[in-house]
Amino acid sequence: MEIIYLYDGSFEGFLCCIFDSYANREVPSDIVPEESASPTLFETRSVTADKSRADRVFRKVAVLSGEAARLLRRGFLTCLEHREIRLYQLVVKLLREGPGFLQNLADETLLPVLKAVRHMEGEAQLLRGFVRFSDYSGILGGEIEPKNHVLPLLRSHFCSRFPNEQFFIYDRTHREALFYTGGKAIITTLDRFEMAPPDETEASYRRLWKRFYDTIAIKERENPRCRQTQMPKRYWTTMTEFQSEKYFIPGRSSEISHPTGILPTV
């Protein structure tokens, strides 16, 4: 019997899908977040997230293989197509055969997850250098537009880099934000978000950065292909040096406010 599991989109909810599969002795044909589910002729079942069940599943995976546990947690953050069912198949194989297959990097179950995790880790590494912050009355704010859910990977880097600051990084793709204040950080979903315009001081710093970027360029050594290799074009949408003139114009004083209202208590 074909059955599709629907869950709340959280990591705990996904782990509960694995728990239910074993508890009900059935193999789902797909596992899909409820918010992105499409009409189907197959039977569907909504799986409720339960922390105790999720912890049991993850502990079992971690006992069998620390590397499998790492791939499971990080794989869930990737943009891998049919991510949930591929990770489910990885866990099933681990429980059935043990961790030996993880040594075979060409394994058909392992390889897609491994490639996706490497892609995500590479993207996070690039964004550690590509995030551009603006100053909003003492709060630093930046935006990114990644393919993967990279905020959990960026958290420790920026929190240790700016330990005495208040800052946020908004992920346009997944509509979530990392907030840091008072030595603590949280990642939360934002249904609506729009960055405030810069004040006069911030606008002047943006222009200075753009002028610096343009000035250090050596015309005779321009190599667009090399630049796009080192700084892929899809990241340019949130980088100061590639913005249009509007980005460098200060807003009216009545328009300027903290882009998040206030930073949440964390």
C-alpha atoms as a PDB file:
ATOM      1  CA  MET A   1       0.000   0.000   0.000  1.00  0.00           C
ATOM      2  CA  GLU A   2       1.398   3.391  -1.032  1.00  0.00           C
ATOM      3  CA  ILE A   3       1.393   5.907   1.788  1.00  0.00           C
ATOM      4  CA  ILE A   4       2.848   9.401   2.132  1.00  0.00           C
ATOM      5  CA  TYR A   5       3.795  10.831   5.515  1.00  0.00           C
ATOM      6  CA  LEU A   6       3.072  14.504   6.186  1.00  0.00           C
ATOM      7  CA  TYR A   7       4.934  16.307   8.970  1.00  0.00           C
ATOM      8  CA  ASP A   8       5.413  19.815  10.347  1.00  0.00           C
ATOM      9  CA  GLY A   9       8.711  20.502   8.567  1.00  0.00           C
ATOM     10  CA  SER A  10      10.869  20.300  11.703  1.00  0.00           C
ATOM     11  CA  PHE A  11      13.791  17.952  12.276  1.00  0.00           C
ATOM     12  CA  GLU A  12      11.954  16.431  15.238  1.00  0.00           C
ATOM     13  CA  GLY A  13       8.893  15.898  13.079  1.00  0.00           C
ATOM     14  CA  PHE A  14      10.977  14.130  10.443  1.00  0.00           C
ATOM     15  CA  LEU A  15      12.560  11.828  13.031  1.00  0.00           C
ATOM     16  CA  CYS A  16       9.053  10.966  14.232  1.00  0.00           C
ATOM     17  CA  CYS A  17       8.212   9.873  10.678  1.00  0.00           C
ATOM     18  CA  ILE A  18      11.040   7.342  10.938  1.00  0.00           C
ATOM     19  CA  PHE A  19       9.715   6.220  14.340  1.00  0.00           C
ATOM     20  CA  ASP A  20       6.183   5.765  12.977  1.00  0.00           C
ATOM     21  CA  SER A  21       7.467   3.815   9.988  1.00  0.00           C
ATOM     22  CA  TYR A  22       8.997   1.193  12.282  1.00  0.00           C
ATOM     23  CA  ALA A  23       6.169   1.276  14.802  1.00  0.00           C
ATOM     24  CA  ASN A  24       3.547   0.688  12.079  1.00  0.00           C
ATOM     25  CA  ARG A  25       5.749  -1.695  10.053  1.00  0.00           C
ATOM     26  CA  GLU A  26       5.251   0.265   6.850  1.00  0.00           C
ATOM     27  CA  VAL A  27       7.511   1.954   4.327  1.00  0.00           C
ATOM     28  CA  PRO A  28       6.366   5.416   3.195  1.00  0.00           C
ATOM     29  CA  SER A  29       6.749   6.200  -0.502  1.00  0.00           C
ATOM     30  CA  ASP A  30       7.489   9.816   0.410  1.00  0.00           C
ATOM     31  CA  ILE A  31       7.812  12.142   3.391  1.00  0.00           C
ATOM     32  CA  VAL A  32       6.629  15.699   2.772  1.00  0.00           C
ATOM     33  CA  PRO A  33       6.204  18.872   4.876  1.00  0.00           C
ATOM     34  CA  GLU A  34       2.507  19.629   5.260  1.00  0.00           C
ATOM     35  CA  GLU A  35       2.870  23.191   3.968  1.00  0.00           C
ATOM     36  CA  SER A  36       4.318  22.014   0.636  1.00  0.00           C
ATOM     37  CA  ALA A  37       2.165  18.905   0.146  1.00  0.00           C
ATOM     38  CA  SER A  38       0.360  18.563  -3.182  1.00  0.00           C
ATOM     39  CA  PRO A  39      -2.951  16.786  -3.824  1.00  0.00           C
ATOM     40  CA  THR A  40      -2.369  13.063  -4.354  1.00  0.00           C
ATOM     41  CA  LEU A  41      -4.302   9.871  -4.998  1.00  0.00           C
ATOM     42  CA  PHE A  42      -2.151   8.020  -2.470  1.00  0.00           C
ATOM     43  CA  GLU A  43      -3.110   7.643   1.167  1.00  0.00           C
ATOM     44  CA  THR A  44      -1.547  10.253   3.448  1.00  0.00           C
ATOM     45  CA  ARG A  45      -0.944  10.306   7.174  1.00  0.00           C
ATOM     46  CA  SER A  46      -0.043  13.286   9.336  1.00  0.00           C
ATOM     47  CA  VAL A  47       2.736  12.519  11.796  1.00  0.00           C
ATOM     48  CA  THR A  48       2.810  14.545  15.005  1.00  0.00           C
ATOM     49  CA  ALA A  49       6.170  15.749  16.295  1.00  0.00           C
ATOM     50  CA  ASP A  50       7.088  14.237  19.642  1.00  0.00           C
ATOM     51  CA  LYS A  51      10.425  15.104  21.240  1.00  0.00           C
ATOM     52  CA  SER A  52      10.808  11.863  23.164  1.00  0.00           C
ATOM     53  CA  ARG A  53      10.280   9.747  20.048  1.00  0.00           C
ATOM     54  CA  ALA A  54      12.570  11.965  17.986  1.00  0.00           C
ATOM     55  CA  ASP A  55      15.291  11.667  20.647  1.00  0.00           C
ATOM     56  CA  ARG A  56      14.999   7.874  20.633  1.00  0.00           C
ATOM     57  CA  VAL A  57      15.524   7.738  16.888  1.00  0.00           C
ATOM     58  CA  PHE A  58      18.477  10.128  16.888  1.00  0.00           C
ATOM     59  CA  ARG A  59      20.154   8.398  19.844  1.00  0.00           C
ATOM     60  CA  LYS A  60      19.882   5.059  18.033  1.00  0.00           C
ATOM     61  CA  VAL A  61      21.504   6.511  14.914  1.00  0.00           C
ATOM     62  CA  ALA A  62      24.257   8.182  16.976  1.00  0.00           C
ATOM     63  CA  VAL A  63      25.044   4.937  18.831  1.00  0.00           C
ATOM     64  CA  LEU A  64      25.456   3.081  15.541  1.00  0.00           C
ATOM     65  CA  SER A  65      27.507   5.834  13.874  1.00  0.00           C
ATOM     66  CA  GLY A  66      28.464   9.367  14.870  1.00  0.00           C
ATOM     67  CA  GLU A  67      29.107  10.141  11.200  1.00  0.00           C
ATOM     68  CA  ALA A  68      25.615   8.960  10.236  1.00  0.00           C
ATOM     69  CA  ALA A  69      24.136  11.187  12.947  1.00  0.00           C
ATOM     70  CA  ARG A  70      26.095  14.155  11.557  1.00  0.00           C
ATOM     71  CA  LEU A  71      24.947  13.427   7.999  1.00  0.00           C
ATOM     72  CA  LEU A  72      21.362  13.058   9.183  1.00  0.00           C
ATOM     73  CA  ARG A  73      21.318  16.385  11.018  1.00  0.00           C
ATOM     74  CA  ARG A  74      23.196  18.313   8.346  1.00  0.00           C
ATOM     75  CA  GLY A  75      21.468  16.543   5.473  1.00  0.00           C
ATOM     76  CA  PHE A  76      18.166  17.858   6.793  1.00  0.00           C
ATOM     77  CA  LEU A  77      19.464  21.417   6.292  1.00  0.00           C
ATOM     78  CA  THR A  78      20.321  20.886   2.622  1.00  0.00           C
ATOM     79  CA  CYS A  79      18.386  21.671  -0.537  1.00  0.00           C
ATOM     80  CA  LEU A  80      18.633  18.031  -1.652  1.00  0.00           C
ATOM     81  CA  GLU A  81      15.673  17.058  -3.833  1.00  0.00           C
ATOM     82  CA  HIS A  82      13.391  14.580  -2.018  1.00  0.00           C
ATOM     83  CA  ARG A  83      15.572  15.220   1.018  1.00  0.00           C
ATOM     84  CA  GLU A  84      13.378  13.470   3.576  1.00  0.00           C
ATOM     85  CA  ILE A  85      12.947  10.170   1.765  1.00  0.00           C
ATOM     86  CA  ARG A  86      16.672  10.011   0.945  1.00  0.00           C
ATOM     87  CA  LEU A  87      17.581  10.559   4.591  1.00  0.00           C
ATOM     88  CA  TYR A  88      14.955   8.009   5.616  1.00  0.00           C
ATOM     89  CA  GLN A  89      16.559   5.462   3.271  1.00  0.00           C
ATOM     90  CA  LEU A  90      19.956   6.250   4.786  1.00  0.00           C
ATOM     91  CA  VAL A  91      18.661   5.491   8.282  1.00  0.00           C
ATOM     92  CA  VAL A  92      16.916   2.318   7.120  1.00  0.00           C
ATOM     93  CA  LYS A  93      20.135   1.034   5.562  1.00  0.00           C
ATOM     94  CA  LEU A  94      22.095   1.926   8.689  1.00  0.00           C
ATOM     95  CA  LEU A  95      19.673   0.008  10.913  1.00  0.00           C
ATOM     96  CA  ARG A  96      19.570  -2.962   8.550  1.00  0.00           C
ATOM     97  CA  GLU A  97      23.257  -3.295   7.595  1.00  0.00           C
ATOM     98  CA  GLY A  98      25.188  -1.321  10.187  1.00  0.00           C
ATOM     99  CA  PRO A  99      27.615   1.554   9.485  1.00  0.00           C
ATOM    100  CA  GLY A 100      29.945  -0.355   7.146  1.00  0.00           C
ATOM    101  CA  PHE A 101      28.415   1.096   3.973  1.00  0.00           C
ATOM    102  CA  LEU A 102      29.438   4.603   5.084  1.00  0.00           C
ATOM    103  CA  GLN A 103      33.001   3.703   4.079  1.00  0.00           C
ATOM    104  CA  ASN A 104      31.881   3.305   0.474  1.00  0.00           C
ATOM    105  CA  LEU A 105      31.630   6.873  -0.806  1.00  0.00           C
ATOM    106  CA  ALA A 106      30.033   5.632  -4.045  1.00  0.00           C
ATOM    107  CA  ASP A 107      27.177   3.895  -2.225  1.00  0.00           C
ATOM    108  CA  GLU A 108      23.923   4.819  -3.991  1.00  0.00           C
ATOM    109  CA  THR A 109      22.150   5.620  -0.721  1.00  0.00           C
ATOM    110  CA  LEU A 110      25.021   7.567   0.824  1.00  0.00           C
ATOM    111  CA  LEU A 111      26.350   9.500  -2.182  1.00  0.00           C
ATOM    112  CA  PRO A 112      23.409  11.918  -2.780  1.00  0.00           C
ATOM    113  CA  VAL A 113      23.332  12.878   0.912  1.00  0.00           C
ATOM    114  CA  LEU A 114      27.097  13.233   1.092  1.00  0.00           C
ATOM    115  CA  LYS A 115      27.183  15.487  -1.992  1.00  0.00           C
ATOM    116  CA  ALA A 116      24.342  17.627  -0.641  1.00  0.00           C
ATOM    117  CA  VAL A 117      26.061  18.099   2.733  1.00  0.00           C
ATOM    118  CA  ARG A 118      29.335  19.025   1.053  1.00  0.00           C
ATOM    119  CA  HIS A 119      27.499  21.548  -1.129  1.00  0.00           C
ATOM    120  CA  MET A 120      25.850  23.094   1.933  1.00  0.00           C
ATOM    121  CA  GLU A 121      29.123  23.268   3.874  1.00  0.00           C
ATOM    122  CA  GLY A 122      30.794  24.909   0.873  1.00  0.00           C
ATOM    123  CA  GLU A 123      28.012  27.458   0.628  1.00  0.00           C
ATOM    124  CA  ALA A 124      28.295  28.252   4.340  1.00  0.00           C
ATOM    125  CA  GLN A 125      32.041  28.725   3.960  1.00  0.00           C
ATOM    126  CA  LEU A 126      31.519  31.226   1.131  1.00  0.00           C
ATOM    127  CA  LEU A 127      28.888  33.135   3.084  1.00  0.00           C
ATOM    128  CA  ARG A 128      31.227  33.601   6.036  1.00  0.00           C
ATOM    129  CA  GLY A 129      33.013  36.050   3.763  1.00  0.00           C
ATOM    130  CA  PHE A 130      30.120  37.280   1.633  1.00  0.00           C
ATOM    131  CA  VAL A 131      27.707  38.548   4.332  1.00  0.00           C
ATOM    132  CA  ARG A 132      27.511  42.357   4.250  1.00  0.00           C
ATOM    133  CA  PHE A 133      26.271  44.040   7.439  1.00  0.00           C
ATOM    134  CA  SER A 134      24.629  47.444   7.777  1.00  0.00           C
ATOM    135  CA  ASP A 135      24.400  49.459  10.985  1.00  0.00           C
ATOM    136  CA  TYR A 136      20.877  50.263  12.190  1.00  0.00           C
ATOM    137  CA  SER A 137      21.266  52.470  15.275  1.00  0.00           C
ATOM    138  CA  GLY A 138      23.734  50.075  16.882  1.00  0.00           C
ATOM    139  CA  ILE A 139      22.260  46.829  15.544  1.00  0.00           C
ATOM    140  CA  LEU A 140      24.112  45.113  12.714  1.00  0.00           C
ATOM    141  CA  GLY A 141      21.900  43.565  10.053  1.00  0.00           C
ATOM    142  CA  GLY A 142      22.613  41.547   6.931  1.00  0.00           C
ATOM    143  CA  GLU A 143      20.732  39.488   4.363  1.00  0.00           C
ATOM    144  CA  ILE A 144      21.626  36.304   2.497  1.00  0.00           C
ATOM    145  CA  GLU A 145      19.917  34.300  -0.230  1.00  0.00           C
ATOM    146  CA  PRO A 146      21.310  30.740   0.057  1.00  0.00           C
ATOM    147  CA  LYS A 147      20.070  27.487  -1.441  1.00  0.00           C
ATOM    148  CA  ASN A 148      20.515  25.611   1.846  1.00  0.00           C
ATOM    149  CA  HIS A 149      19.499  26.298   5.450  1.00  0.00           C
ATOM    150  CA  VAL A 150      22.944  27.605   6.375  1.00  0.00           C
ATOM    151  CA  LEU A 151      22.104  29.786   9.394  1.00  0.00           C
ATOM    152  CA  PRO A 152      22.860  26.989  11.914  1.00  0.00           C
ATOM    153  CA  LEU A 153      26.319  26.661  10.328  1.00  0.00           C
ATOM    154  CA  LEU A 154      26.917  30.423  10.343  1.00  0.00           C
ATOM    155  CA  ARG A 155      25.799  30.931  13.931  1.00  0.00           C
ATOM    156  CA  SER A 156      28.999  30.000  15.771  1.00  0.00           C
ATOM    157  CA  HIS A 157      31.230  31.915  13.326  1.00  0.00           C
ATOM    158  CA  PHE A 158      29.441  35.257  13.611  1.00  0.00           C
ATOM    159  CA  CYS A 159      28.615  34.936  17.310  1.00  0.00           C
ATOM    160  CA  SER A 160      32.301  34.402  18.107  1.00  0.00           C
ATOM    161  CA  ARG A 161      33.340  37.148  15.682  1.00  0.00           C
ATOM    162  CA  PHE A 162      30.944  39.741  17.152  1.00  0.00           C
ATOM    163  CA  PRO A 163      30.554  38.623  20.788  1.00  0.00           C
ATOM    164  CA  ASN A 164      29.753  42.113  22.102  1.00  0.00           C
ATOM    165  CA  GLU A 165      27.431  43.198  19.302  1.00  0.00           C
ATOM    166  CA  GLN A 166      23.742  42.861  18.586  1.00  0.00           C
ATOM    167  CA  PHE A 167      23.118  41.544  15.095  1.00  0.00           C
ATOM    168  CA  PHE A 168      20.802  39.596  12.829  1.00  0.00           C
ATOM    169  CA  ILE A 169      21.157  37.760   9.516  1.00  0.00           C
ATOM    170  CA  TYR A 170      18.002  37.277   7.469  1.00  0.00           C
ATOM    171  CA  ASP A 171      17.714  34.342   5.051  1.00  0.00           C
ATOM    172  CA  ARG A 172      15.506  35.523   2.175  1.00  0.00           C
ATOM    173  CA  THR A 173      15.161  32.058   0.654  1.00  0.00           C
ATOM    174  CA  HIS A 174      13.765  30.294   3.707  1.00  0.00           C
ATOM    175  CA  ARG A 175      12.298  33.355   5.483  1.00  0.00           C
ATOM    176  CA  GLU A 176      14.170  32.771   8.718  1.00  0.00           C
ATOM    177  CA  ALA A 177      16.600  34.855  10.714  1.00  0.00           C
ATOM    178  CA  LEU A 178      19.472  34.436  13.139  1.00  0.00           C
ATOM    179  CA  PHE A 179      19.294  36.917  16.031  1.00  0.00           C
ATOM    180  CA  TYR A 180      22.142  37.494  18.473  1.00  0.00           C
ATOM    181  CA  THR A 181      22.049  39.686  21.559  1.00  0.00           C
ATOM    182  CA  GLY A 182      23.344  39.478  25.109  1.00  0.00           C
ATOM    183  CA  GLY A 183      25.620  36.549  24.311  1.00  0.00           C
ATOM    184  CA  LYS A 184      22.740  34.337  23.147  1.00  0.00           C
ATOM    185  CA  ALA A 185      21.469  33.422  19.678  1.00  0.00           C
ATOM    186  CA  ILE A 186      18.237  32.048  18.230  1.00  0.00           C
ATOM    187  CA  ILE A 187      17.044  31.149  14.740  1.00  0.00           C
ATOM    188  CA  THR A 188      13.383  31.863  14.067  1.00  0.00           C
ATOM    189  CA  THR A 189      10.966  32.016  11.149  1.00  0.00           C
ATOM    190  CA  LEU A 190       9.733  35.426   9.948  1.00  0.00           C
ATOM    191  CA  ASP A 191       6.574  35.533   7.851  1.00  0.00           C
ATOM    192  CA  ARG A 192       7.237  39.127   6.766  1.00  0.00           C
ATOM    193  CA  PHE A 193      10.465  41.076   6.680  1.00  0.00           C
ATOM    194  CA  GLU A 194      11.771  44.172   4.927  1.00  0.00           C
ATOM    195  CA  MET A 195      15.118  45.791   5.608  1.00  0.00           C
ATOM    196  CA  ALA A 196      14.865  49.459   6.629  1.00  0.00           C
ATOM    197  CA  PRO A 197      16.561  52.091   4.438  1.00  0.00           C
ATOM    198  CA  PRO A 198      19.963  53.375   5.621  1.00  0.00           C
ATOM    199  CA  ASP A 199      20.421  56.615   7.505  1.00  0.00           C
ATOM    200  CA  GLU A 200      22.916  59.226   6.269  1.00  0.00           C
ATOM    201  CA  THR A 201      25.866  57.664   8.093  1.00  0.00           C
ATOM    202  CA  GLU A 202      25.174  54.132   6.915  1.00  0.00           C
ATOM    203  CA  ALA A 203      24.582  55.316   3.340  1.00  0.00           C
ATOM    204  CA  SER A 204      27.964  57.062   3.362  1.00  0.00           C
ATOM    205  CA  TYR A 205      29.695  53.883   4.557  1.00  0.00           C
ATOM    206  CA  ARG A 206      28.012  51.914   1.781  1.00  0.00           C
ATOM    207  CA  ARG A 207      29.270  54.413  -0.786  1.00  0.00           C
ATOM    208  CA  LEU A 208      32.779  54.255   0.698  1.00  0.00           C
ATOM    209  CA  TRP A 209      32.807  50.467   0.433  1.00  0.00           C
ATOM    210  CA  LYS A 210      31.597  50.601  -3.163  1.00  0.00           C
ATOM    211  CA  ARG A 211      34.250  53.232  -3.999  1.00  0.00           C
ATOM    212  CA  PHE A 212      36.956  51.110  -2.362  1.00  0.00           C
ATOM    213  CA  TYR A 213      35.835  48.027  -4.310  1.00  0.00           C
ATOM    214  CA  ASP A 214      35.866  49.927  -7.601  1.00  0.00           C
ATOM    215  CA  THR A 215      39.157  51.706  -6.873  1.00  0.00           C
ATOM    216  CA  ILE A 216      41.270  48.641  -6.106  1.00  0.00           C
ATOM    217  CA  ALA A 217      40.200  46.962  -9.351  1.00  0.00           C
ATOM    218  CA  ILE A 218      42.972  46.826 -11.978  1.00  0.00           C
ATOM    219  CA  LYS A 219      41.350  47.235 -15.385  1.00  0.00           C
ATOM    220  CA  GLU A 220      44.153  45.443 -17.230  1.00  0.00           C
ATOM    221  CA  ARG A 221      43.748  42.383 -15.039  1.00  0.00           C
ATOM    222  CA  GLU A 222      39.940  42.092 -15.177  1.00  0.00           C
ATOM    223  CA  ASN A 223      38.832  38.473 -15.495  1.00  0.00           C
ATOM    224  CA  PRO A 224      35.032  38.127 -15.199  1.00  0.00           C
ATOM    225  CA  ARG A 225      35.120  34.344 -15.409  1.00  0.00           C
ATOM    226  CA  CYS A 226      37.634  34.073 -12.572  1.00  0.00           C
ATOM    227  CA  ARG A 227      35.631  36.543 -10.465  1.00  0.00           C
ATOM    228  CA  GLN A 228      32.449  34.532 -10.896  1.00  0.00           C
ATOM    229  CA  THR A 229      34.333  31.366  -9.934  1.00  0.00           C
ATOM    230  CA  GLN A 230      35.615  32.912  -6.702  1.00  0.00           C
ATOM    231  CA  MET A 231      32.461  34.967  -6.050  1.00  0.00           C
ATOM    232  CA  PRO A 232      29.484  33.209  -7.720  1.00  0.00           C
ATOM    233  CA  LYS A 233      26.984  35.595  -9.261  1.00  0.00           C
ATOM    234  CA  ARG A 234      24.019  34.234  -7.341  1.00  0.00           C
ATOM    235  CA  TYR A 235      25.447  35.785  -4.163  1.00  0.00           C
ATOM    236  CA  TRP A 236      25.676  39.271  -5.645  1.00  0.00           C
ATOM    237  CA  THR A 237      22.049  40.141  -4.845  1.00  0.00           C
ATOM    238  CA  THR A 238      22.928  40.807  -1.184  1.00  0.00           C
ATOM    239  CA  MET A 239      26.479  42.153  -1.541  1.00  0.00           C
ATOM    240  CA  THR A 240      26.945  45.917  -1.181  1.00  0.00           C
ATOM    241  CA  GLU A 241      29.408  46.305  -4.046  1.00  0.00           C
ATOM    242  CA  PHE A 242      26.915  45.006  -6.635  1.00  0.00           C
ATOM    243  CA  GLN A 243      23.821  47.007  -5.680  1.00  0.00           C
ATOM    244  CA  SER A 244      22.038  49.648  -7.731  1.00  0.00           C
ATOM    245  CA  GLU A 245      22.151  53.368  -6.900  1.00  0.00           C
ATOM    246  CA  LYS A 246      18.953  53.137  -4.839  1.00  0.00           C
ATOM    247  CA  TYR A 247      20.784  51.034  -2.246  1.00  0.00           C
ATOM    248  CA  PHE A 248      23.108  53.958  -1.455  1.00  0.00           C
ATOM    249  CA  ILE A 249      20.417  56.622  -0.982  1.00  0.00           C
ATOM    250  CA  PRO A 250      19.504  57.367   2.663  1.00  0.00           C
ATOM    251  CA  GLY A 251      15.870  57.184   3.689  1.00  0.00           C
ATOM    252  CA  ARG A 252      13.944  60.029   5.282  1.00  0.00           C
ATOM    253  CA  SER A 253      14.320  60.171   9.037  1.00  0.00           C
ATOM    254  CA  SER A 254      10.668  59.185   9.463  1.00  0.00           C
ATOM    255  CA  GLU A 255      11.310  56.011   7.437  1.00  0.00           C
ATOM    256  CA  ILE A 256      14.316  54.842   9.424  1.00  0.00           C
ATOM    257  CA  SER A 257      13.680  52.350  12.186  1.00  0.00           C
ATOM    258  CA  HIS A 258      15.129  49.088  13.362  1.00  0.00           C
ATOM    259  CA  PRO A 259      14.431  46.574  10.599  1.00  0.00           C
ATOM    260  CA  THR A 260      13.139  44.063  13.109  1.00  0.00           C
ATOM    261  CA  GLY A 261      11.376  46.499  15.440  1.00  0.00           C
ATOM    262  CA  ILE A 262      13.324  45.105  18.408  1.00  0.00           C
ATOM    263  CA  LEU A 263      15.580  42.107  18.696  1.00  0.00           C
ATOM    264  CA  PRO A 264      13.743  39.238  20.376  1.00  0.00           C
ATOM    265  CA  THR A 265      14.695  38.185  23.868  1.00  0.00           C
ATOM    266  CA  VAL A 266      16.947  35.134  23.633  1.00  0.00           C
END
